[in-house]
Amino acid sequence: MLIYLNLIETEEQKSKFEQIYNSYKHTMFYVAKSILKDDYLSEDAVHNAFINIAKSMDNISEVDSNRTKGYVVVIVRNISLNMLKKQNKDVAIDELEENIKDDNSLEDEVLSKLSVDSIIEEITSLPMIYKDVLYLSYVEDLPTQEISRLINISNEAVKKRLQRGRKILQKVFDCELTS
Protein backbone atom coordinates (compact mmCIF):
# COMPACT_ATOMS: atom_id res chain seq x y z
CA MET A 1 0.00 0.00 0.00
CA LEU A 2 2.89 2.38 0.71
CA ILE A 3 4.06 2.09 -2.88
CA TYR A 4 0.71 3.36 -4.13
CA LEU A 5 0.39 6.08 -1.50
CA ASN A 6 3.80 7.47 -2.44
CA LEU A 7 2.42 8.15 -5.91
CA ILE A 8 -0.33 10.37 -4.48
CA GLU A 9 0.21 13.95 -3.40
CA THR A 10 -2.61 15.04 -1.06
CA GLU A 11 -3.84 13.44 2.13
CA GLU A 12 -7.42 13.62 0.85
CA GLN A 13 -6.51 11.63 -2.27
CA LYS A 14 -4.51 9.14 -0.17
CA SER A 15 -7.56 8.55 2.00
CA LYS A 16 -9.75 8.16 -1.07
CA PHE A 17 -7.26 5.72 -2.59
CA GLU A 18 -7.24 3.58 0.57
CA GLN A 19 -11.04 3.39 0.40
CA ILE A 20 -10.90 2.42 -3.27
CA TYR A 21 -8.26 -0.19 -2.55
CA ASN A 22 -10.28 -1.76 0.27
CA SER A 23 -13.57 -1.57 -1.62
CA TYR A 24 -12.50 -2.93 -5.01
CA LYS A 25 -9.40 -5.12 -4.59
CA HIS A 26 -11.43 -8.36 -4.49
CA THR A 27 -13.58 -7.38 -7.48
CA MET A 28 -10.49 -6.46 -9.45
CA PHE A 29 -8.79 -9.74 -8.56
CA TYR A 30 -11.92 -11.65 -9.65
CA VAL A 31 -11.93 -9.86 -13.02
CA ALA A 32 -8.20 -10.46 -13.54
CA LYS A 33 -8.43 -14.12 -12.56
CA SER A 34 -11.39 -14.71 -14.90
CA ILE A 35 -9.10 -13.60 -17.74
CA LEU A 36 -5.66 -14.83 -16.68
CA LYS A 37 -6.69 -18.04 -14.85
CA ASP A 38 -3.66 -17.68 -12.55
CA ASP A 39 -3.48 -16.23 -9.03
CA TYR A 40 0.02 -14.78 -9.33
CA LEU A 41 -0.58 -13.14 -12.70
CA SER A 42 -3.90 -11.81 -11.43
CA GLU A 43 -2.17 -10.25 -8.44
CA ASP A 44 0.30 -8.60 -10.83
CA ALA A 45 -2.56 -7.26 -12.95
CA VAL A 46 -4.31 -5.83 -9.89
CA HIS A 47 -1.04 -4.30 -8.68
CA ASN A 48 -0.46 -2.62 -12.06
CA ALA A 49 -4.05 -1.41 -12.11
CA PHE A 50 -3.67 0.18 -8.69
CA ILE A 51 -0.51 1.94 -9.82
CA ASN A 52 -2.45 3.40 -12.76
CA ILE A 53 -5.34 4.37 -10.47
CA ALA A 54 -2.97 6.02 -7.98
CA LYS A 55 -1.47 8.09 -10.80
CA SER A 56 -4.92 9.23 -11.94
CA MET A 57 -6.80 9.89 -8.70
CA ASP A 58 -8.14 13.15 -10.15
CA ASN A 59 -10.45 11.07 -12.37
CA ILE A 60 -12.31 9.63 -9.38
CA SER A 61 -14.81 11.77 -7.54
CA GLU A 62 -16.74 9.28 -5.40
CA VAL A 63 -15.43 6.02 -3.99
CA ASP A 64 -18.67 4.10 -3.59
CA SER A 65 -20.25 4.62 -6.98
CA ASN A 66 -21.01 2.46 -9.98
CA ARG A 67 -18.95 4.83 -12.05
CA THR A 68 -15.82 4.21 -9.95
CA LYS A 69 -16.46 0.48 -9.93
CA GLY A 70 -16.77 0.50 -13.71
CA TYR A 71 -13.61 2.58 -13.99
CA VAL A 72 -11.45 0.20 -11.93
CA VAL A 73 -12.91 -2.86 -13.67
CA VAL A 74 -12.11 -1.44 -17.12
CA ILE A 75 -8.53 -0.72 -16.07
CA VAL A 76 -7.81 -4.15 -14.54
CA ARG A 77 -9.55 -5.95 -17.40
CA ASN A 78 -7.40 -4.23 -20.02
CA ILE A 79 -4.19 -4.78 -18.09
CA SER A 80 -5.12 -8.46 -17.79
CA LEU A 81 -5.88 -8.71 -21.50
CA ASN A 82 -2.54 -7.10 -22.32
CA MET A 83 -0.74 -9.56 -20.05
CA LEU A 84 -2.56 -12.46 -21.71
CA LYS A 85 -1.71 -11.09 -25.13
CA LYS A 86 1.99 -10.93 -24.20
CA GLN A 87 1.86 -14.59 -23.14
CA ASN A 88 0.20 -15.58 -26.40
CA LYS A 89 2.08 -13.33 -28.83
CA ASP A 90 0.59 -14.92 -31.94
CA VAL A 91 -3.00 -14.38 -30.84
CA ALA A 92 -4.90 -11.19 -31.71
CA ILE A 93 -6.84 -9.40 -28.98
CA ASP A 94 -10.14 -10.22 -30.74
CA GLU A 95 -9.30 -13.93 -30.52
CA LEU A 96 -8.39 -13.57 -26.84
CA GLU A 97 -11.82 -12.12 -26.12
CA GLU A 98 -13.44 -15.17 -27.67
CA ASN A 99 -11.32 -17.53 -25.57
CA ILE A 100 -11.95 -15.73 -22.29
CA LYS A 101 -14.62 -17.31 -20.18
CA ASP A 102 -17.76 -15.29 -20.87
CA ASP A 103 -17.90 -14.05 -17.31
CA ASN A 104 -18.37 -10.40 -18.05
CA SER A 105 -21.64 -10.26 -16.15
CA LEU A 106 -19.99 -8.26 -13.37
CA GLU A 107 -18.57 -5.68 -15.74
CA ASP A 108 -21.74 -5.56 -17.80
CA GLU A 109 -23.83 -5.14 -14.65
CA VAL A 110 -21.61 -2.32 -13.43
CA LEU A 111 -21.56 -0.54 -16.75
CA SER A 112 -25.25 -1.02 -17.47
CA LYS A 113 -26.14 0.70 -14.19
CA LEU A 114 -24.41 3.75 -15.58
CA SER A 115 -26.83 3.88 -18.48
CA VAL A 116 -28.46 7.26 -18.40
CA ASP A 117 -29.58 7.03 -21.99
CA SER A 118 -29.60 4.64 -24.93
CA ILE A 119 -26.14 5.64 -26.16
CA ILE A 120 -24.41 4.47 -22.99
CA GLU A 121 -26.55 1.34 -23.05
CA GLU A 122 -25.36 0.60 -26.58
CA ILE A 123 -21.73 1.26 -25.61
CA THR A 124 -21.96 -1.44 -22.96
CA SER A 125 -23.26 -3.93 -25.50
CA LEU A 126 -20.26 -3.49 -27.79
CA PRO A 127 -17.34 -5.94 -27.88
CA MET A 128 -14.90 -5.36 -25.03
CA ILE A 129 -12.24 -3.92 -27.31
CA TYR A 130 -14.51 -0.96 -28.19
CA LYS A 131 -16.63 -0.80 -25.05
CA ASP A 132 -13.74 0.05 -22.75
CA VAL A 133 -12.27 2.90 -24.78
CA LEU A 134 -15.70 4.37 -25.53
CA TYR A 135 -16.63 4.10 -21.85
CA LEU A 136 -13.44 5.82 -20.71
CA SER A 137 -13.76 8.47 -23.41
CA TYR A 138 -17.46 9.35 -23.21
CA VAL A 139 -18.57 8.34 -19.73
CA GLU A 140 -15.36 9.16 -17.85
CA ASP A 141 -14.50 12.00 -20.28
CA LEU A 142 -10.82 11.07 -20.46
CA PRO A 143 -8.52 12.21 -23.27
CA THR A 144 -7.04 9.57 -25.57
CA GLN A 145 -3.57 9.99 -24.05
CA GLU A 146 -4.91 9.17 -20.57
CA ILE A 147 -6.85 6.16 -21.89
CA SER A 148 -3.70 4.98 -23.64
CA ARG A 149 -1.75 5.18 -20.39
CA LEU A 150 -4.46 3.55 -18.27
CA ILE A 151 -5.00 0.49 -20.45
CA ASN A 152 -1.45 0.21 -21.79
CA ILE A 153 -2.06 0.53 -25.51
CA SER A 154 -0.77 3.14 -27.95
CA ASN A 155 -2.58 6.42 -28.43
CA GLU A 156 -3.14 5.48 -32.08
CA ALA A 157 -4.76 2.19 -31.03
CA VAL A 158 -7.12 4.13 -28.73
CA LYS A 159 -8.06 6.49 -31.55
CA LYS A 160 -8.64 3.60 -33.95
CA ARG A 161 -10.81 1.72 -31.43
CA LEU A 162 -12.82 4.90 -30.77
CA GLN A 163 -13.30 5.40 -34.49
CA ARG A 164 -14.41 1.80 -35.07
CA GLY A 165 -16.64 1.80 -31.99
CA ARG A 166 -18.36 5.01 -33.09
CA LYS A 167 -18.90 3.50 -36.53
CA ILE A 168 -20.62 0.45 -34.97
CA LEU A 169 -22.78 2.70 -32.78
CA GLN A 170 -23.72 4.80 -35.78
CA LYS A 171 -24.93 1.70 -37.64
CA VAL A 172 -26.96 0.59 -34.60
CA PHE A 173 -28.64 3.95 -34.26
CA ASP A 174 -29.23 4.25 -38.01
CA CYS A 175 -31.04 0.89 -37.93
CA GLU A 176 -33.16 1.98 -34.95
CA LEU A 177 -34.12 5.23 -36.65
CA THR A 178 -35.21 3.50 -39.87
CA SER A 179 -37.22 0.83 -38.02
C-alpha atoms as a PDB file:
ATOM      1  CA  MET A   1       0.000   0.000   0.000  1.00  0.00           C
ATOM      2  CA  LEU A   2       2.886   2.383   0.713  1.00  0.00           C
ATOM      3  CA  ILE A   3       4.057   2.095  -2.883  1.00  0.00           C
ATOM      4  CA  TYR A   4       0.706   3.363  -4.127  1.00  0.00           C
ATOM      5  CA  LEU A   5       0.386   6.085  -1.502  1.00  0.00           C
ATOM      6  CA  ASN A   6       3.804   7.471  -2.443  1.00  0.00           C
ATOM      7  CA  LEU A   7       2.423   8.153  -5.910  1.00  0.00           C
ATOM      8  CA  ILE A   8      -0.329  10.367  -4.480  1.00  0.00           C
ATOM      9  CA  GLU A   9       0.207  13.950  -3.396  1.00  0.00           C
ATOM     10  CA  THR A  10      -2.607  15.044  -1.064  1.00  0.00           C
ATOM     11  CA  GLU A  11      -3.841  13.439   2.129  1.00  0.00           C
ATOM     12  CA  GLU A  12      -7.416  13.617   0.847  1.00  0.00           C
ATOM     13  CA  GLN A  13      -6.505  11.628  -2.265  1.00  0.00           C
ATOM     14  CA  LYS A  14      -4.507   9.142  -0.167  1.00  0.00           C
ATOM     15  CA  SER A  15      -7.555   8.546   2.004  1.00  0.00           C
ATOM     16  CA  LYS A  16      -9.754   8.161  -1.073  1.00  0.00           C
ATOM     17  CA  PHE A  17      -7.258   5.716  -2.593  1.00  0.00           C
ATOM     18  CA  GLU A  18      -7.242   3.576   0.566  1.00  0.00           C
ATOM     19  CA  GLN A  19     -11.039   3.390   0.397  1.00  0.00           C
ATOM     20  CA  ILE A  20     -10.898   2.416  -3.275  1.00  0.00           C
ATOM     21  CA  TYR A  21      -8.260  -0.192  -2.548  1.00  0.00           C
ATOM     22  CA  ASN A  22     -10.277  -1.761   0.267  1.00  0.00           C
ATOM     23  CA  SER A  23     -13.571  -1.572  -1.624  1.00  0.00           C
ATOM     24  CA  TYR A  24     -12.496  -2.935  -5.006  1.00  0.00           C
ATOM     25  CA  LYS A  25      -9.397  -5.123  -4.595  1.00  0.00           C
ATOM     26  CA  HIS A  26     -11.432  -8.357  -4.489  1.00  0.00           C
ATOM     27  CA  THR A  27     -13.582  -7.381  -7.478  1.00  0.00           C
ATOM     28  CA  MET A  28     -10.487  -6.464  -9.451  1.00  0.00           C
ATOM     29  CA  PHE A  29      -8.790  -9.744  -8.564  1.00  0.00           C
ATOM     30  CA  TYR A  30     -11.922 -11.650  -9.648  1.00  0.00           C
ATOM     31  CA  VAL A  31     -11.929  -9.862 -13.019  1.00  0.00           C
ATOM     32  CA  ALA A  32      -8.201 -10.458 -13.538  1.00  0.00           C
ATOM     33  CA  LYS A  33      -8.433 -14.124 -12.558  1.00  0.00           C
ATOM     34  CA  SER A  34     -11.391 -14.710 -14.900  1.00  0.00           C
ATOM     35  CA  ILE A  35      -9.097 -13.596 -17.737  1.00  0.00           C
ATOM     36  CA  LEU A  36      -5.660 -14.831 -16.683  1.00  0.00           C
ATOM     37  CA  LYS A  37      -6.685 -18.043 -14.851  1.00  0.00           C
ATOM     38  CA  ASP A  38      -3.656 -17.683 -12.546  1.00  0.00           C
ATOM     39  CA  ASP A  39      -3.476 -16.233  -9.027  1.00  0.00           C
ATOM     40  CA  TYR A  40       0.023 -14.777  -9.333  1.00  0.00           C
ATOM     41  CA  LEU A  41      -0.581 -13.141 -12.702  1.00  0.00           C
ATOM     42  CA  SER A  42      -3.903 -11.815 -11.433  1.00  0.00           C
ATOM     43  CA  GLU A  43      -2.171 -10.246  -8.444  1.00  0.00           C
ATOM     44  CA  ASP A  44       0.303  -8.600 -10.834  1.00  0.00           C
ATOM     45  CA  ALA A  45      -2.558  -7.259 -12.948  1.00  0.00           C
ATOM     46  CA  VAL A  46      -4.306  -5.826  -9.890  1.00  0.00           C
ATOM     47  CA  HIS A  47      -1.037  -4.296  -8.678  1.00  0.00           C
ATOM     48  CA  ASN A  48      -0.456  -2.617 -12.061  1.00  0.00           C
ATOM     49  CA  ALA A  49      -4.052  -1.411 -12.114  1.00  0.00           C
ATOM     50  CA  PHE A  50      -3.666   0.175  -8.686  1.00  0.00           C
ATOM     51  CA  ILE A  51      -0.507   1.944  -9.822  1.00  0.00           C
ATOM     52  CA  ASN A  52      -2.448   3.400 -12.762  1.00  0.00           C
ATOM     53  CA  ILE A  53      -5.336   4.366 -10.474  1.00  0.00           C
ATOM     54  CA  ALA A  54      -2.973   6.024  -7.984  1.00  0.00           C
ATOM     55  CA  LYS A  55      -1.473   8.090 -10.799  1.00  0.00           C
ATOM     56  CA  SER A  56      -4.919   9.231 -11.936  1.00  0.00           C
ATOM     57  CA  MET A  57      -6.803   9.887  -8.703  1.00  0.00           C
ATOM     58  CA  ASP A  58      -8.141  13.148 -10.147  1.00  0.00           C
ATOM     59  CA  ASN A  59     -10.445  11.066 -12.368  1.00  0.00           C
ATOM     60  CA  ILE A  60     -12.308   9.626  -9.379  1.00  0.00           C
ATOM     61  CA  SER A  61     -14.811  11.771  -7.538  1.00  0.00           C
ATOM     62  CA  GLU A  62     -16.743   9.281  -5.396  1.00  0.00           C
ATOM     63  CA  VAL A  63     -15.432   6.023  -3.989  1.00  0.00           C
ATOM     64  CA  ASP A  64     -18.675   4.100  -3.593  1.00  0.00           C
ATOM     65  CA  SER A  65     -20.253   4.616  -6.982  1.00  0.00           C
ATOM     66  CA  ASN A  66     -21.012   2.458  -9.976  1.00  0.00           C
ATOM     67  CA  ARG A  67     -18.947   4.833 -12.051  1.00  0.00           C
ATOM     68  CA  THR A  68     -15.822   4.210  -9.952  1.00  0.00           C
ATOM     69  CA  LYS A  69     -16.459   0.484  -9.930  1.00  0.00           C
ATOM     70  CA  GLY A  70     -16.773   0.495 -13.710  1.00  0.00           C
ATOM     71  CA  TYR A  71     -13.614   2.579 -13.990  1.00  0.00           C
ATOM     72  CA  VAL A  72     -11.451   0.196 -11.927  1.00  0.00           C
ATOM     73  CA  VAL A  73     -12.912  -2.860 -13.671  1.00  0.00           C
ATOM     74  CA  VAL A  74     -12.109  -1.444 -17.118  1.00  0.00           C
ATOM     75  CA  ILE A  75      -8.530  -0.721 -16.066  1.00  0.00           C
ATOM     76  CA  VAL A  76      -7.806  -4.146 -14.544  1.00  0.00           C
ATOM     77  CA  ARG A  77      -9.547  -5.953 -17.404  1.00  0.00           C
ATOM     78  CA  ASN A  78      -7.399  -4.229 -20.021  1.00  0.00           C
ATOM     79  CA  ILE A  79      -4.193  -4.782 -18.092  1.00  0.00           C
ATOM     80  CA  SER A  80      -5.119  -8.464 -17.787  1.00  0.00           C
ATOM     81  CA  LEU A  81      -5.880  -8.712 -21.502  1.00  0.00           C
ATOM     82  CA  ASN A  82      -2.536  -7.098 -22.323  1.00  0.00           C
ATOM     83  CA  MET A  83      -0.735  -9.563 -20.052  1.00  0.00           C
ATOM     84  CA  LEU A  84      -2.564 -12.463 -21.714  1.00  0.00           C
ATOM     85  CA  LYS A  85      -1.706 -11.093 -25.131  1.00  0.00           C
ATOM     86  CA  LYS A  86       1.992 -10.931 -24.196  1.00  0.00           C
ATOM     87  CA  GLN A  87       1.863 -14.588 -23.137  1.00  0.00           C
ATOM     88  CA  ASN A  88       0.203 -15.577 -26.403  1.00  0.00           C
ATOM     89  CA  LYS A  89       2.083 -13.326 -28.828  1.00  0.00           C
ATOM     90  CA  ASP A  90       0.593 -14.919 -31.940  1.00  0.00           C
ATOM     91  CA  VAL A  91      -3.002 -14.378 -30.843  1.00  0.00           C
ATOM     92  CA  ALA A  92      -4.902 -11.190 -31.714  1.00  0.00           C
ATOM     93  CA  ILE A  93      -6.840  -9.401 -28.982  1.00  0.00           C
ATOM     94  CA  ASP A  94     -10.136 -10.224 -30.742  1.00  0.00           C
ATOM     95  CA  GLU A  95      -9.305 -13.930 -30.519  1.00  0.00           C
ATOM     96  CA  LEU A  96      -8.394 -13.570 -26.843  1.00  0.00           C
ATOM     97  CA  GLU A  97     -11.821 -12.116 -26.121  1.00  0.00           C
ATOM     98  CA  GLU A  98     -13.445 -15.169 -27.672  1.00  0.00           C
ATOM     99  CA  ASN A  99     -11.316 -17.534 -25.565  1.00  0.00           C
ATOM    100  CA  ILE A 100     -11.950 -15.730 -22.292  1.00  0.00           C
ATOM    101  CA  LYS A 101     -14.621 -17.315 -20.179  1.00  0.00           C
ATOM    102  CA  ASP A 102     -17.757 -15.288 -20.873  1.00  0.00           C
ATOM    103  CA  ASP A 103     -17.896 -14.055 -17.309  1.00  0.00           C
ATOM    104  CA  ASN A 104     -18.366 -10.403 -18.052  1.00  0.00           C
ATOM    105  CA  SER A 105     -21.639 -10.259 -16.147  1.00  0.00           C
ATOM    106  CA  LEU A 106     -19.994  -8.262 -13.369  1.00  0.00           C
ATOM    107  CA  GLU A 107     -18.568  -5.677 -15.741  1.00  0.00           C
ATOM    108  CA  ASP A 108     -21.738  -5.561 -17.798  1.00  0.00           C
ATOM    109  CA  GLU A 109     -23.831  -5.141 -14.654  1.00  0.00           C
ATOM    110  CA  VAL A 110     -21.612  -2.319 -13.426  1.00  0.00           C
ATOM    111  CA  LEU A 111     -21.561  -0.536 -16.747  1.00  0.00           C
ATOM    112  CA  SER A 112     -25.254  -1.019 -17.475  1.00  0.00           C
ATOM    113  CA  LYS A 113     -26.138   0.696 -14.188  1.00  0.00           C
ATOM    114  CA  LEU A 114     -24.409   3.751 -15.581  1.00  0.00           C
ATOM    115  CA  SER A 115     -26.827   3.879 -18.479  1.00  0.00           C
ATOM    116  CA  VAL A 116     -28.458   7.258 -18.403  1.00  0.00           C
ATOM    117  CA  ASP A 117     -29.581   7.027 -21.987  1.00  0.00           C
ATOM    118  CA  SER A 118     -29.599   4.635 -24.926  1.00  0.00           C
ATOM    119  CA  ILE A 119     -26.138   5.644 -26.161  1.00  0.00           C
ATOM    120  CA  ILE A 120     -24.413   4.468 -22.990  1.00  0.00           C
ATOM    121  CA  GLU A 121     -26.545   1.341 -23.054  1.00  0.00           C
ATOM    122  CA  GLU A 122     -25.364   0.602 -26.582  1.00  0.00           C
ATOM    123  CA  ILE A 123     -21.733   1.263 -25.612  1.00  0.00           C
ATOM    124  CA  THR A 124     -21.957  -1.443 -22.960  1.00  0.00           C
ATOM    125  CA  SER A 125     -23.257  -3.931 -25.502  1.00  0.00           C
ATOM    126  CA  LEU A 126     -20.260  -3.493 -27.795  1.00  0.00           C
ATOM    127  CA  PRO A 127     -17.342  -5.938 -27.883  1.00  0.00           C
ATOM    128  CA  MET A 128     -14.901  -5.364 -25.027  1.00  0.00           C
ATOM    129  CA  ILE A 129     -12.239  -3.921 -27.305  1.00  0.00           C
ATOM    130  CA  TYR A 130     -14.506  -0.961 -28.187  1.00  0.00           C
ATOM    131  CA  LYS A 131     -16.625  -0.798 -25.052  1.00  0.00           C
ATOM    132  CA  ASP A 132     -13.736   0.048 -22.750  1.00  0.00           C
ATOM    133  CA  VAL A 133     -12.269   2.901 -24.777  1.00  0.00           C
ATOM    134  CA  LEU A 134     -15.700   4.368 -25.528  1.00  0.00           C
ATOM    135  CA  TYR A 135     -16.630   4.095 -21.851  1.00  0.00           C
ATOM    136  CA  LEU A 136     -13.444   5.822 -20.709  1.00  0.00           C
ATOM    137  CA  SER A 137     -13.759   8.471 -23.405  1.00  0.00           C
ATOM    138  CA  TYR A 138     -17.461   9.346 -23.213  1.00  0.00           C
ATOM    139  CA  VAL A 139     -18.570   8.340 -19.730  1.00  0.00           C
ATOM    140  CA  GLU A 140     -15.359   9.157 -17.852  1.00  0.00           C
ATOM    141  CA  ASP A 141     -14.502  12.000 -20.279  1.00  0.00           C
ATOM    142  CA  LEU A 142     -10.820  11.069 -20.461  1.00  0.00           C
ATOM    143  CA  PRO A 143      -8.517  12.212 -23.273  1.00  0.00           C
ATOM    144  CA  THR A 144      -7.042   9.574 -25.566  1.00  0.00           C
ATOM    145  CA  GLN A 145      -3.568   9.985 -24.053  1.00  0.00           C
ATOM    146  CA  GLU A 146      -4.912   9.172 -20.568  1.00  0.00           C
ATOM    147  CA  ILE A 147      -6.853   6.160 -21.887  1.00  0.00           C
ATOM    148  CA  SER A 148      -3.703   4.982 -23.635  1.00  0.00           C
ATOM    149  CA  ARG A 149      -1.746   5.184 -20.389  1.00  0.00           C
ATOM    150  CA  LEU A 150      -4.464   3.548 -18.273  1.00  0.00           C
ATOM    151  CA  ILE A 151      -5.002   0.492 -20.446  1.00  0.00           C
ATOM    152  CA  ASN A 152      -1.448   0.207 -21.789  1.00  0.00           C
ATOM    153  CA  ILE A 153      -2.055   0.533 -25.512  1.00  0.00           C
ATOM    154  CA  SER A 154      -0.769   3.136 -27.946  1.00  0.00           C
ATOM    155  CA  ASN A 155      -2.583   6.416 -28.430  1.00  0.00           C
ATOM    156  CA  GLU A 156      -3.136   5.480 -32.083  1.00  0.00           C
ATOM    157  CA  ALA A 157      -4.762   2.193 -31.035  1.00  0.00           C
ATOM    158  CA  VAL A 158      -7.118   4.128 -28.730  1.00  0.00           C
ATOM    159  CA  LYS A 159      -8.055   6.490 -31.547  1.00  0.00           C
ATOM    160  CA  LYS A 160      -8.640   3.602 -33.947  1.00  0.00           C
ATOM    161  CA  ARG A 161     -10.814   1.725 -31.428  1.00  0.00           C
ATOM    162  CA  LEU A 162     -12.820   4.900 -30.767  1.00  0.00           C
ATOM    163  CA  GLN A 163     -13.303   5.397 -34.492  1.00  0.00           C
ATOM    164  CA  ARG A 164     -14.409   1.798 -35.069  1.00  0.00           C
ATOM    165  CA  GLY A 165     -16.638   1.798 -31.986  1.00  0.00           C
ATOM    166  CA  ARG A 166     -18.362   5.007 -33.091  1.00  0.00           C
ATOM    167  CA  LYS A 167     -18.905   3.501 -36.528  1.00  0.00           C
ATOM    168  CA  ILE A 168     -20.616   0.455 -34.973  1.00  0.00           C
ATOM    169  CA  LEU A 169     -22.776   2.704 -32.781  1.00  0.00           C
ATOM    170  CA  GLN A 170     -23.725   4.800 -35.778  1.00  0.00           C
ATOM    171  CA  LYS A 171     -24.929   1.703 -37.636  1.00  0.00           C
ATOM    172  CA  VAL A 172     -26.961   0.588 -34.601  1.00  0.00           C
ATOM    173  CA  PHE A 173     -28.645   3.952 -34.263  1.00  0.00           C
ATOM    174  CA  ASP A 174     -29.229   4.252 -38.009  1.00  0.00           C
ATOM    175  CA  CYS A 175     -31.043   0.890 -37.927  1.00  0.00           C
ATOM    176  CA  GLU A 176     -33.164   1.983 -34.951  1.00  0.00           C
ATOM    177  CA  LEU A 177     -34.125   5.230 -36.652  1.00  0.00           C
ATOM    178  CA  THR A 178     -35.207   3.498 -39.868  1.00  0.00           C
ATOM    179  CA  SER A 179     -37.216   0.826 -38.021  1.00  0.00           C
END
